[in-house]
Amino acid sequence: MFVSCHFPLLVRLYLYPEYSTNTPEPNLLAADPLIADFLVAHPTIEDLRWYPIDQGLLFPKGLLPRLKRIQSNHRTAVSILRDPSLIQQRKMELISQICLGPNTMQLLETIDGSQLQELHIWRIDDELDPLRRVATLFPNVRTLVIPNFGSPFGYGSYSRSFVGVFLYNPCNVFTAWVSRTSASTA
């Protein structure tokens, strides 16, 4: 397995394991701590794409001091970004798959987001308020991805009328969703 190798100039690491989502292979679960050790041995990594299976995986302090771009699951991204020894040192450019809740908002308020240009939000717990705060914290964001935003635009129900909402799905396909409620009730 590649984790026994050393790449002294490694800047990007993209890991895409093959497994069934219903029954992850035990070897992949066992690989997560080895991959974490590989990350420790490669502090030059700036761009990480990895979705560990082990949701209880612990990361050591000082992991990936040069990190600028992270695409992972919420727990992994937040765990790595929350490192108090690096929280102000990293100049993040991309943060992916986070859920905007109170704890994550508190974290986002402490990181250096002056270089943040791309933010992928998996879920928003409190509809618009966290998103307004994100807009204030990260004015340089050029790409905002929100594939799962619950009831649209703060409306309590999908029965409100709105037309031409574009949703981004994980397959990089834009889908137009047009409400027919207003036409059918008019």
Protein backbone atom coordinates (compact mmCIF):
# COMPACT_ATOMS: atom_id res chain seq x y z
CA MET A 1 0.00 0.00 0.00
CA PHE A 2 1.19 3.52 -0.79
CA VAL A 3 1.23 4.61 2.88
CA SER A 4 4.68 3.06 3.35
CA CYS A 5 6.11 5.39 0.70
CA HIS A 6 7.60 8.83 1.28
CA PHE A 7 7.13 11.66 -1.19
CA PRO A 8 9.13 14.64 0.11
CA LEU A 9 7.57 17.14 -2.31
CA LEU A 10 3.96 15.92 -2.16
CA VAL A 11 1.52 18.84 -2.34
CA ARG A 12 -1.74 17.17 -3.44
CA LEU A 13 -3.22 13.94 -2.14
CA TYR A 14 -6.50 12.71 -3.62
CA LEU A 15 -7.75 9.41 -2.24
CA TYR A 16 -10.79 7.68 -3.69
CA PRO A 17 -11.25 4.21 -2.19
CA GLU A 18 -13.50 1.73 -3.92
CA TYR A 19 -16.10 0.26 -1.60
CA SER A 20 -19.78 -0.43 -1.33
CA THR A 21 -21.56 2.21 0.75
CA ASN A 22 -23.71 -0.49 2.31
CA THR A 23 -20.84 -2.68 3.47
CA PRO A 24 -17.47 -0.96 3.54
CA GLU A 25 -14.66 -3.43 3.25
CA PRO A 26 -12.92 -3.97 6.63
CA ASN A 27 -9.52 -3.39 5.01
CA LEU A 28 -10.55 0.15 4.07
CA LEU A 29 -11.62 0.90 7.63
CA ALA A 30 -8.27 -0.41 8.86
CA ALA A 31 -6.48 1.76 6.28
CA ASP A 32 -7.73 5.06 7.74
CA PRO A 33 -5.22 5.17 10.65
CA LEU A 34 -2.43 4.26 8.22
CA ILE A 35 -3.48 7.10 5.94
CA ALA A 36 -3.53 9.47 8.94
CA ASP A 37 0.06 8.38 9.69
CA PHE A 38 0.92 9.02 6.03
CA LEU A 39 -0.47 12.57 6.41
CA VAL A 40 1.69 13.12 9.50
CA ALA A 41 4.76 12.05 7.49
CA HIS A 42 3.87 14.49 4.67
CA PRO A 43 3.55 18.01 6.14
CA THR A 44 4.03 19.45 2.64
CA ILE A 45 0.47 18.54 1.62
CA GLU A 46 -1.58 21.62 0.73
CA ASP A 47 -4.53 19.99 -1.01
CA LEU A 48 -6.30 16.98 0.52
CA ARG A 49 -9.29 15.06 -0.86
CA TRP A 50 -10.10 12.12 1.39
CA TYR A 51 -13.30 10.75 2.87
CA PRO A 52 -12.27 8.42 5.71
CA ILE A 53 -14.65 5.65 6.64
CA ASP A 54 -13.67 5.66 10.33
CA GLN A 55 -15.74 8.49 11.80
CA GLY A 56 -13.97 8.09 15.15
CA LEU A 57 -10.52 8.67 13.68
CA LEU A 58 -8.38 11.00 15.79
CA PHE A 59 -5.87 13.38 14.24
CA PRO A 60 -2.71 14.57 16.00
CA LYS A 61 -2.03 18.24 16.61
CA GLY A 62 0.15 19.90 14.00
CA LEU A 63 -1.24 17.81 11.13
CA LEU A 64 -0.84 19.36 7.68
CA PRO A 65 0.51 22.81 8.58
CA ARG A 66 0.52 23.92 4.91
CA LEU A 67 -3.05 22.83 4.19
CA LYS A 68 -4.95 25.23 1.94
CA ARG A 69 -7.65 23.03 0.41
CA ILE A 70 -9.63 20.28 2.09
CA GLN A 71 -12.37 18.15 0.58
CA SER A 72 -13.56 15.58 3.08
CA ASN A 73 -16.51 14.73 5.25
CA HIS A 74 -17.66 17.25 7.85
CA ARG A 75 -16.11 15.52 10.84
CA THR A 76 -12.69 15.11 9.25
CA ALA A 77 -12.56 18.65 7.86
CA VAL A 78 -13.61 20.21 11.17
CA SER A 79 -11.24 18.00 13.18
CA ILE A 80 -8.27 18.98 11.06
CA LEU A 81 -9.19 22.67 10.92
CA ARG A 82 -9.86 22.93 14.67
CA ASP A 83 -6.21 22.25 15.57
CA PRO A 84 -5.34 25.12 17.98
CA SER A 85 -1.66 25.02 17.00
CA LEU A 86 -2.51 25.79 13.34
CA ILE A 87 -5.90 27.49 13.39
CA GLN A 88 -4.53 30.95 12.54
CA GLN A 89 -1.49 29.77 10.55
CA ARG A 90 -3.31 28.13 7.64
CA LYS A 91 -4.52 30.30 4.77
CA MET A 92 -7.47 28.22 3.59
CA GLU A 93 -8.58 28.53 -0.05
CA LEU A 94 -11.20 25.75 -0.13
CA ILE A 95 -13.23 24.08 2.60
CA SER A 96 -15.61 21.36 1.52
CA GLN A 97 -18.49 19.35 2.97
CA ILE A 98 -19.07 21.22 6.21
CA CYS A 99 -22.37 21.62 8.02
CA LEU A 100 -23.10 25.11 9.27
CA GLY A 101 -24.15 24.69 12.88
CA PRO A 102 -23.17 26.65 15.99
CA ASN A 103 -19.90 24.75 16.62
CA THR A 104 -18.79 25.00 13.00
CA MET A 105 -19.65 28.69 12.89
CA GLN A 106 -17.52 29.22 15.99
CA LEU A 107 -14.64 27.43 14.23
CA LEU A 108 -15.07 29.44 11.02
CA GLU A 109 -14.90 32.66 13.01
CA THR A 110 -11.42 31.70 14.29
CA ILE A 111 -9.70 30.56 11.08
CA ASP A 112 -7.87 32.86 8.68
CA GLY A 113 -10.29 33.00 5.77
CA SER A 114 -8.65 35.89 3.96
CA GLN A 115 -7.76 33.56 1.07
CA LEU A 116 -10.94 31.45 1.11
CA GLN A 117 -12.40 31.40 -2.39
CA GLU A 118 -14.48 28.21 -2.39
CA LEU A 119 -16.85 26.85 0.23
CA HIS A 120 -18.92 23.68 -0.08
CA ILE A 121 -21.64 23.51 2.56
CA TRP A 122 -23.27 20.15 3.11
CA ARG A 123 -26.07 21.36 5.38
CA ILE A 124 -27.22 24.55 7.08
CA ASP A 125 -28.76 23.97 10.50
CA ASP A 126 -30.36 27.40 10.87
CA GLU A 127 -31.19 28.32 7.28
CA LEU A 128 -29.98 31.86 6.48
CA ASP A 129 -28.36 33.26 9.62
CA PRO A 130 -25.13 31.22 9.37
CA LEU A 131 -24.96 31.91 5.64
CA ARG A 132 -25.18 35.64 6.27
CA ARG A 133 -22.33 35.33 8.77
CA VAL A 134 -20.28 33.31 6.26
CA ALA A 135 -20.77 36.10 3.70
CA THR A 136 -19.36 38.58 6.21
CA LEU A 137 -16.46 36.37 7.30
CA PHE A 138 -15.37 35.35 3.81
CA PRO A 139 -16.01 38.17 1.33
CA ASN A 140 -13.55 36.65 -1.18
CA VAL A 141 -15.61 33.50 -1.76
CA ARG A 142 -16.11 33.01 -5.49
CA THR A 143 -17.67 29.54 -5.42
CA LEU A 144 -20.38 28.54 -2.98
CA VAL A 145 -21.85 25.05 -3.23
CA ILE A 146 -24.94 24.09 -1.20
CA PRO A 147 -26.37 20.76 -2.39
CA ASN A 148 -28.62 20.13 0.64
CA PHE A 149 -30.23 23.25 1.99
CA GLY A 150 -33.52 21.96 3.48
CA SER A 151 -36.48 24.20 2.93
CA PRO A 152 -35.42 26.74 0.34
CA PHE A 153 -34.53 30.30 1.27
CA GLY A 154 -35.94 30.15 4.78
CA TYR A 155 -39.42 29.15 3.71
CA GLY A 156 -41.00 26.70 6.10
CA SER A 157 -42.55 24.67 3.33
CA TYR A 158 -41.88 23.66 -0.25
CA SER A 159 -45.38 24.85 -1.09
CA ARG A 160 -44.24 28.48 -1.48
CA SER A 161 -43.96 29.63 -5.05
CA PHE A 162 -40.54 30.25 -6.52
CA VAL A 163 -39.17 29.66 -9.97
CA GLY A 164 -35.74 28.90 -11.35
CA VAL A 165 -33.84 27.68 -8.31
CA PHE A 166 -30.62 25.98 -9.35
CA LEU A 167 -29.31 23.17 -7.21
CA TYR A 168 -25.78 21.82 -7.48
CA ASN A 169 -25.52 18.09 -6.99
CA PRO A 170 -22.35 16.14 -6.17
CA CYS A 171 -22.08 14.87 -9.75
CA ASN A 172 -21.27 18.43 -10.91
CA VAL A 173 -24.56 18.70 -12.77
CA PHE A 174 -26.81 21.70 -12.37
CA THR A 175 -30.48 20.89 -12.10
CA ALA A 176 -33.24 23.42 -12.51
CA TRP A 177 -36.10 23.00 -10.09
CA VAL A 178 -39.22 24.94 -10.93
CA SER A 179 -42.10 25.00 -8.49
CA ARG A 180 -45.45 24.28 -10.09
CA THR A 181 -47.39 25.13 -6.93
CA SER A 182 -48.24 28.63 -8.05
CA ALA A 183 -49.42 27.44 -11.48
CA SER A 184 -51.57 24.65 -10.08
CA THR A 185 -53.18 26.82 -7.39
CA ALA A 186 -53.69 29.92 -9.51
